[in-house]
Amino acid sequence: MNSISRFNSLDEVGGQNQASRRGHPISRQLGTRSLVLVGLMGAGKSTVGRRLAQTLKLPFRDADHEIEAAAGMTIPEIFAVHGEDHFRDGERRVIARLLQEGPMVLATGGGAFMNEETRQRVSECAISIWLKADLDVLMRRVRKRSTRPLLQNADPEGTMRRLMELRYPVYATADLTIDSHEAPHDRVVADVVKALADWFDRDKQGGHEG
């Protein structure tokens, strides 16, 4: 199967079984729901997500890695060969498929939550968590990698500012917001776990729909 055919079958690529069942109190309260991490590139979604999954004894999945594995191409290659619209369509489909395989901790790409259909699916199948970071934190982190397609220009900081202006109001609609500051990742994970515990307490008291 060529790379285009593989990319077009993103929503059919099989996922991980649920052999590792949940032992953490938070995980037991999730039922079939997943935890979906959203935020800009550099917010720490993958790193925090892996550690959060270990803490909660849940599978961890990275939507970007799932897309690359299915397409047989890196994300920069997908952008270069097929364009951003093609990538976004595949991203939407792979996230829809992964949400049916929960519970898990799912890290999404920075633009995924901007899709209205994806936001609706996340709302129905998961608890969304925005990892919010300041511009200087984001830039320090993204400069460590040169493979960010949206930052391949003469003014990456200006691009990041524009992305923040565009995306932060949408990220703010997530169920939870966690400050992804310059601190050990385990501290951010602890903040997420505490916020989830508080979220479920409010749920029991009828504070929100869950």
C-alpha atoms as a PDB file:
ATOM      1  CA  MET A   1       0.000   0.000   0.000  1.00  0.00           C
ATOM      2  CA  ASN A   2       1.443   3.391  -0.931  1.00  0.00           C
ATOM      3  CA  SER A   3       1.649   6.302   1.484  1.00  0.00           C
ATOM      4  CA  ILE A   4      -1.432   8.040   0.104  1.00  0.00           C
ATOM      5  CA  SER A   5      -3.562   4.912   0.430  1.00  0.00           C
ATOM      6  CA  ARG A   6      -2.277   4.338   3.952  1.00  0.00           C
ATOM      7  CA  PHE A   7      -3.048   7.918   4.881  1.00  0.00           C
ATOM      8  CA  ASN A   8      -6.561   7.575   3.494  1.00  0.00           C
ATOM      9  CA  SER A   9      -7.144   4.543   5.743  1.00  0.00           C
ATOM     10  CA  LEU A  10      -6.253   6.352   8.960  1.00  0.00           C
ATOM     11  CA  ASP A  11      -9.620   5.707  10.508  1.00  0.00           C
ATOM     12  CA  GLU A  12      -9.246   1.976   9.970  1.00  0.00           C
ATOM     13  CA  VAL A  13      -5.845   1.419  11.537  1.00  0.00           C
ATOM     14  CA  GLY A  14      -6.359  -0.779  14.551  1.00  0.00           C
ATOM     15  CA  GLY A  15      -5.653   0.487  18.016  1.00  0.00           C
ATOM     16  CA  GLN A  16      -4.532  -0.830  21.345  1.00  0.00           C
ATOM     17  CA  ASN A  17      -6.618  -3.216  23.389  1.00  0.00           C
ATOM     18  CA  GLN A  18      -7.548  -2.403  26.951  1.00  0.00           C
ATOM     19  CA  ALA A  19      -5.593  -5.216  28.584  1.00  0.00           C
ATOM     20  CA  SER A  20      -4.069  -2.782  31.073  1.00  0.00           C
ATOM     21  CA  ARG A  21      -7.171  -2.020  33.084  1.00  0.00           C
ATOM     22  CA  ARG A  22      -7.502   0.863  35.426  1.00  0.00           C
ATOM     23  CA  GLY A  23      -6.469   0.787  39.053  1.00  0.00           C
ATOM     24  CA  HIS A  24      -6.317   4.513  39.863  1.00  0.00           C
ATOM     25  CA  PRO A  25      -9.471   6.085  41.391  1.00  0.00           C
ATOM     26  CA  ILE A  26      -9.585   8.726  38.654  1.00  0.00           C
ATOM     27  CA  SER A  27      -9.382   6.047  35.963  1.00  0.00           C
ATOM     28  CA  ARG A  28     -12.249   4.097  37.483  1.00  0.00           C
ATOM     29  CA  GLN A  29     -14.439   7.186  37.366  1.00  0.00           C
ATOM     30  CA  LEU A  30     -13.728   7.745  33.691  1.00  0.00           C
ATOM     31  CA  GLY A  31     -15.739   4.752  32.531  1.00  0.00           C
ATOM     32  CA  THR A  32     -15.189   4.614  28.776  1.00  0.00           C
ATOM     33  CA  ARG A  33     -14.167   8.273  28.538  1.00  0.00           C
ATOM     34  CA  SER A  34     -10.662   9.317  27.577  1.00  0.00           C
ATOM     35  CA  LEU A  35      -8.576  12.270  28.702  1.00  0.00           C
ATOM     36  CA  VAL A  36      -7.741  14.481  25.732  1.00  0.00           C
ATOM     37  CA  LEU A  37      -4.881  16.949  26.031  1.00  0.00           C
ATOM     38  CA  VAL A  38      -5.106  20.060  23.872  1.00  0.00           C
ATOM     39  CA  GLY A  39      -2.857  23.083  23.492  1.00  0.00           C
ATOM     40  CA  LEU A  40      -0.242  24.677  21.291  1.00  0.00           C
ATOM     41  CA  MET A  41       2.956  23.009  20.147  1.00  0.00           C
ATOM     42  CA  GLY A  42       5.403  23.110  23.027  1.00  0.00           C
ATOM     43  CA  ALA A  43       2.701  22.968  25.707  1.00  0.00           C
ATOM     44  CA  GLY A  44       3.927  19.533  26.801  1.00  0.00           C
ATOM     45  CA  LYS A  45       0.991  17.427  25.681  1.00  0.00           C
ATOM     46  CA  SER A  46       3.047  14.353  24.776  1.00  0.00           C
ATOM     47  CA  THR A  47       5.474  14.479  27.698  1.00  0.00           C
ATOM     48  CA  VAL A  48       2.842  15.260  30.320  1.00  0.00           C
ATOM     49  CA  GLY A  49       0.442  12.848  28.639  1.00  0.00           C
ATOM     50  CA  ARG A  50       2.823   9.903  28.925  1.00  0.00           C
ATOM     51  CA  ARG A  51       3.442  10.562  32.604  1.00  0.00           C
ATOM     52  CA  LEU A  52      -0.236  11.129  33.281  1.00  0.00           C
ATOM     53  CA  ALA A  53      -1.057   7.814  31.609  1.00  0.00           C
ATOM     54  CA  GLN A  54       1.541   6.043  33.760  1.00  0.00           C
ATOM     55  CA  THR A  55       0.110   7.630  36.897  1.00  0.00           C
ATOM     56  CA  LEU A  56      -3.461   6.658  36.021  1.00  0.00           C
ATOM     57  CA  LYS A  57      -2.485   3.254  34.589  1.00  0.00           C
ATOM     58  CA  LEU A  58      -4.085   4.060  31.248  1.00  0.00           C
ATOM     59  CA  PRO A  59      -2.844   3.589  27.679  1.00  0.00           C
ATOM     60  CA  PHE A  60      -1.217   6.635  26.114  1.00  0.00           C
ATOM     61  CA  ARG A  61      -1.705   7.558  22.470  1.00  0.00           C
ATOM     62  CA  ASP A  62      -0.327  10.448  20.464  1.00  0.00           C
ATOM     63  CA  ALA A  63      -2.547  11.464  17.546  1.00  0.00           C
ATOM     64  CA  ASP A  64       0.389  12.825  15.545  1.00  0.00           C
ATOM     65  CA  HIS A  65       2.298   9.552  15.896  1.00  0.00           C
ATOM     66  CA  GLU A  66      -0.801   7.603  14.884  1.00  0.00           C
ATOM     67  CA  ILE A  67      -1.098   9.689  11.722  1.00  0.00           C
ATOM     68  CA  GLU A  68       2.578   9.255  10.862  1.00  0.00           C
ATOM     69  CA  ALA A  69       2.441   5.501  11.416  1.00  0.00           C
ATOM     70  CA  ALA A  70      -0.635   5.106   9.243  1.00  0.00           C
ATOM     71  CA  ALA A  71       0.616   7.370   6.463  1.00  0.00           C
ATOM     72  CA  GLY A  72       4.178   6.078   6.478  1.00  0.00           C
ATOM     73  CA  MET A  73       5.266   9.721   6.380  1.00  0.00           C
ATOM     74  CA  THR A  74       6.298  12.331   8.907  1.00  0.00           C
ATOM     75  CA  ILE A  75       3.969  15.235   9.529  1.00  0.00           C
ATOM     76  CA  PRO A  76       6.321  17.695   7.772  1.00  0.00           C
ATOM     77  CA  GLU A  77       6.294  15.332   4.765  1.00  0.00           C
ATOM     78  CA  ILE A  78       2.495  15.146   4.822  1.00  0.00           C
ATOM     79  CA  PHE A  79       2.304  18.955   4.870  1.00  0.00           C
ATOM     80  CA  ALA A  80       4.820  19.223   2.028  1.00  0.00           C
ATOM     81  CA  VAL A  81       3.317  16.529  -0.209  1.00  0.00           C
ATOM     82  CA  HIS A  82      -0.414  16.784   0.487  1.00  0.00           C
ATOM     83  CA  GLY A  83      -0.913  20.140   2.206  1.00  0.00           C
ATOM     84  CA  GLU A  84      -2.383  21.160   5.536  1.00  0.00           C
ATOM     85  CA  ASP A  85      -6.030  20.541   4.568  1.00  0.00           C
ATOM     86  CA  HIS A  86      -5.264  16.894   3.778  1.00  0.00           C
ATOM     87  CA  PHE A  87      -3.433  16.532   7.087  1.00  0.00           C
ATOM     88  CA  ARG A  88      -6.320  18.106   9.026  1.00  0.00           C
ATOM     89  CA  ASP A  89      -8.815  15.716   7.438  1.00  0.00           C
ATOM     90  CA  GLY A  90      -6.687  12.745   8.458  1.00  0.00           C
ATOM     91  CA  GLU A  91      -6.215  14.211  11.926  1.00  0.00           C
ATOM     92  CA  ARG A  92      -9.978  14.538  12.374  1.00  0.00           C
ATOM     93  CA  ARG A  93     -10.555  10.929  11.352  1.00  0.00           C
ATOM     94  CA  VAL A  94      -7.791   9.418  13.451  1.00  0.00           C
ATOM     95  CA  ILE A  95      -8.976  11.242  16.570  1.00  0.00           C
ATOM     96  CA  ALA A  96     -12.538  10.082  15.964  1.00  0.00           C
ATOM     97  CA  ARG A  97     -11.275   6.510  15.747  1.00  0.00           C
ATOM     98  CA  LEU A  98      -9.099   6.787  18.853  1.00  0.00           C
ATOM     99  CA  LEU A  99     -11.956   8.208  20.909  1.00  0.00           C
ATOM    100  CA  GLN A 100     -13.871   4.978  20.243  1.00  0.00           C
ATOM    101  CA  GLU A 101     -11.020   2.971  21.790  1.00  0.00           C
ATOM    102  CA  GLY A 102     -10.982   4.666  25.185  1.00  0.00           C
ATOM    103  CA  PRO A 103     -10.347   5.052  27.957  1.00  0.00           C
ATOM    104  CA  MET A 104      -6.866   6.418  27.318  1.00  0.00           C
ATOM    105  CA  VAL A 105      -4.791   9.563  27.603  1.00  0.00           C
ATOM    106  CA  LEU A 106      -4.723  11.119  24.143  1.00  0.00           C
ATOM    107  CA  ALA A 107      -2.343  13.898  23.140  1.00  0.00           C
ATOM    108  CA  THR A 108      -3.584  15.879  20.138  1.00  0.00           C
ATOM    109  CA  GLY A 109      -1.843  18.195  17.713  1.00  0.00           C
ATOM    110  CA  GLY A 110      -2.117  21.931  18.240  1.00  0.00           C
ATOM    111  CA  GLY A 111      -4.730  22.438  15.533  1.00  0.00           C
ATOM    112  CA  ALA A 112      -6.912  19.415  16.254  1.00  0.00           C
ATOM    113  CA  PHE A 113      -9.237  21.092  18.761  1.00  0.00           C
ATOM    114  CA  MET A 114      -9.941  23.879  16.280  1.00  0.00           C
ATOM    115  CA  ASN A 115     -12.113  21.491  14.281  1.00  0.00           C
ATOM    116  CA  GLU A 116     -15.735  21.799  15.387  1.00  0.00           C
ATOM    117  CA  GLU A 117     -16.529  18.145  14.694  1.00  0.00           C
ATOM    118  CA  THR A 118     -13.529  17.047  16.752  1.00  0.00           C
ATOM    119  CA  ARG A 119     -14.547  19.293  19.649  1.00  0.00           C
ATOM    120  CA  GLN A 120     -18.021  17.770  19.584  1.00  0.00           C
ATOM    121  CA  ARG A 121     -16.650  14.226  19.582  1.00  0.00           C
ATOM    122  CA  VAL A 122     -14.285  15.048  22.429  1.00  0.00           C
ATOM    123  CA  SER A 123     -17.161  16.544  24.393  1.00  0.00           C
ATOM    124  CA  GLU A 124     -19.171  13.355  23.933  1.00  0.00           C
ATOM    125  CA  CYS A 125     -16.407  10.820  24.582  1.00  0.00           C
ATOM    126  CA  ALA A 126     -13.800  12.454  26.784  1.00  0.00           C
ATOM    127  CA  ILE A 127     -12.714  15.079  29.270  1.00  0.00           C
ATOM    128  CA  SER A 128     -10.666  17.776  27.549  1.00  0.00           C
ATOM    129  CA  ILE A 129      -7.660  19.324  29.281  1.00  0.00           C
ATOM    130  CA  TRP A 130      -5.961  22.459  27.985  1.00  0.00           C
ATOM    131  CA  LEU A 131      -2.270  22.685  28.840  1.00  0.00           C
ATOM    132  CA  LYS A 132      -1.835  26.453  28.783  1.00  0.00           C
ATOM    133  CA  ALA A 133       1.618  27.985  28.459  1.00  0.00           C
ATOM    134  CA  ASP A 134       3.013  31.489  28.055  1.00  0.00           C
ATOM    135  CA  LEU A 135       4.752  32.556  24.864  1.00  0.00           C
ATOM    136  CA  ASP A 136       8.282  32.491  26.281  1.00  0.00           C
ATOM    137  CA  VAL A 137       7.790  28.964  27.610  1.00  0.00           C
ATOM    138  CA  LEU A 138       6.435  27.755  24.284  1.00  0.00           C
ATOM    139  CA  MET A 139       9.242  29.321  22.286  1.00  0.00           C
ATOM    140  CA  ARG A 140      11.957  27.869  24.519  1.00  0.00           C
ATOM    141  CA  ARG A 141      10.473  24.426  24.013  1.00  0.00           C
ATOM    142  CA  VAL A 142       9.767  24.545  20.282  1.00  0.00           C
ATOM    143  CA  ARG A 143      13.242  25.857  19.471  1.00  0.00           C
ATOM    144  CA  LYS A 144      14.563  22.463  20.572  1.00  0.00           C
ATOM    145  CA  ARG A 145      12.920  20.902  17.501  1.00  0.00           C
ATOM    146  CA  SER A 146      13.172  22.074  13.905  1.00  0.00           C
ATOM    147  CA  THR A 147      10.322  19.939  12.560  1.00  0.00           C
ATOM    148  CA  ARG A 148       7.314  22.180  13.262  1.00  0.00           C
ATOM    149  CA  PRO A 149       5.706  22.844   9.840  1.00  0.00           C
ATOM    150  CA  LEU A 150       3.829  25.940  10.951  1.00  0.00           C
ATOM    151  CA  LEU A 151       7.028  27.540  12.274  1.00  0.00           C
ATOM    152  CA  GLN A 152       9.118  27.080   9.139  1.00  0.00           C
ATOM    153  CA  ASN A 153       9.227  30.792   8.327  1.00  0.00           C
ATOM    154  CA  ALA A 154      11.238  33.927   9.008  1.00  0.00           C
ATOM    155  CA  ASP A 155       9.213  34.921  12.095  1.00  0.00           C
ATOM    156  CA  PRO A 156       8.337  31.857  14.185  1.00  0.00           C
ATOM    157  CA  GLU A 157       7.645  33.943  17.288  1.00  0.00           C
ATOM    158  CA  GLY A 158       5.207  36.129  15.375  1.00  0.00           C
ATOM    159  CA  THR A 159       3.538  32.994  14.053  1.00  0.00           C
ATOM    160  CA  MET A 160       3.227  31.615  17.579  1.00  0.00           C
ATOM    161  CA  ARG A 161       1.673  34.880  18.778  1.00  0.00           C
ATOM    162  CA  ARG A 162      -0.915  34.706  16.004  1.00  0.00           C
ATOM    163  CA  LEU A 163      -1.677  31.073  16.812  1.00  0.00           C
ATOM    164  CA  MET A 164      -2.189  32.002  20.456  1.00  0.00           C
ATOM    165  CA  GLU A 165      -4.586  34.792  19.507  1.00  0.00           C
ATOM    166  CA  LEU A 166      -6.544  32.478  17.239  1.00  0.00           C
ATOM    167  CA  ARG A 167      -6.541  29.285  19.259  1.00  0.00           C
ATOM    168  CA  TYR A 168      -6.529  30.244  22.923  1.00  0.00           C
ATOM    169  CA  PRO A 169     -10.206  31.325  22.956  1.00  0.00           C
ATOM    170  CA  VAL A 170     -11.106  27.896  21.535  1.00  0.00           C
ATOM    171  CA  TYR A 171      -8.798  25.967  23.873  1.00  0.00           C
ATOM    172  CA  ALA A 172     -10.476  27.858  26.730  1.00  0.00           C
ATOM    173  CA  THR A 173     -13.672  25.901  26.057  1.00  0.00           C
ATOM    174  CA  ALA A 174     -11.958  22.709  27.269  1.00  0.00           C
ATOM    175  CA  ASP A 175     -13.297  21.133  30.463  1.00  0.00           C
ATOM    176  CA  LEU A 176     -10.120  21.862  32.432  1.00  0.00           C
ATOM    177  CA  THR A 177      -7.256  24.344  32.089  1.00  0.00           C
ATOM    178  CA  ILE A 178      -3.845  23.518  33.553  1.00  0.00           C
ATOM    179  CA  ASP A 179      -0.871  25.865  33.635  1.00  0.00           C
ATOM    180  CA  SER A 180       2.011  24.195  31.798  1.00  0.00           C
ATOM    181  CA  HIS A 181       4.734  26.219  33.434  1.00  0.00           C
ATOM    182  CA  GLU A 182       8.472  25.740  33.668  1.00  0.00           C
ATOM    183  CA  ALA A 183       8.371  23.114  36.389  1.00  0.00           C
ATOM    184  CA  PRO A 184       9.074  19.400  36.610  1.00  0.00           C
ATOM    185  CA  HIS A 185       6.581  17.514  34.470  1.00  0.00           C
ATOM    186  CA  ASP A 186       5.530  15.473  37.483  1.00  0.00           C
ATOM    187  CA  ARG A 187       4.251  18.664  39.114  1.00  0.00           C
ATOM    188  CA  VAL A 188       2.100  19.433  36.081  1.00  0.00           C
ATOM    189  CA  VAL A 189       0.807  15.841  36.158  1.00  0.00           C
ATOM    190  CA  ALA A 190      -0.064  16.262  39.840  1.00  0.00           C
ATOM    191  CA  ASP A 191      -1.947  19.459  38.961  1.00  0.00           C
ATOM    192  CA  VAL A 192      -3.916  17.554  36.318  1.00  0.00           C
ATOM    193  CA  VAL A 193      -4.790  14.731  38.717  1.00  0.00           C
ATOM    194  CA  LYS A 194      -5.963  17.194  41.366  1.00  0.00           C
ATOM    195  CA  ALA A 195      -8.055  19.113  38.835  1.00  0.00           C
ATOM    196  CA  LEU A 196      -9.649  15.864  37.679  1.00  0.00           C
ATOM    197  CA  ALA A 197     -10.465  14.861  41.256  1.00  0.00           C
ATOM    198  CA  ASP A 198     -12.108  18.252  41.807  1.00  0.00           C
ATOM    199  CA  TRP A 199     -13.939  17.886  38.481  1.00  0.00           C
ATOM    200  CA  PHE A 200     -15.430  14.552  39.516  1.00  0.00           C
ATOM    201  CA  ASP A 201     -16.381  15.934  42.930  1.00  0.00           C
ATOM    202  CA  ARG A 202     -18.305  18.725  41.227  1.00  0.00           C
ATOM    203  CA  ASP A 203     -19.852  16.144  38.908  1.00  0.00           C
ATOM    204  CA  LYS A 204     -21.175  14.172  41.874  1.00  0.00           C
ATOM    205  CA  GLN A 205     -22.674  17.341  43.280  1.00  0.00           C
ATOM    206  CA  GLY A 206     -24.359  18.193  39.992  1.00  0.00           C
ATOM    207  CA  GLY A 207     -21.989  21.040  39.224  1.00  0.00           C
ATOM    208  CA  HIS A 208     -21.696  20.161  35.525  1.00  0.00           C
ATOM    209  CA  GLU A 209     -22.695  17.540  33.040  1.00  0.00           C
ATOM    210  CA  GLY A 210     -20.223  14.693  32.870  1.00  0.00           C
END
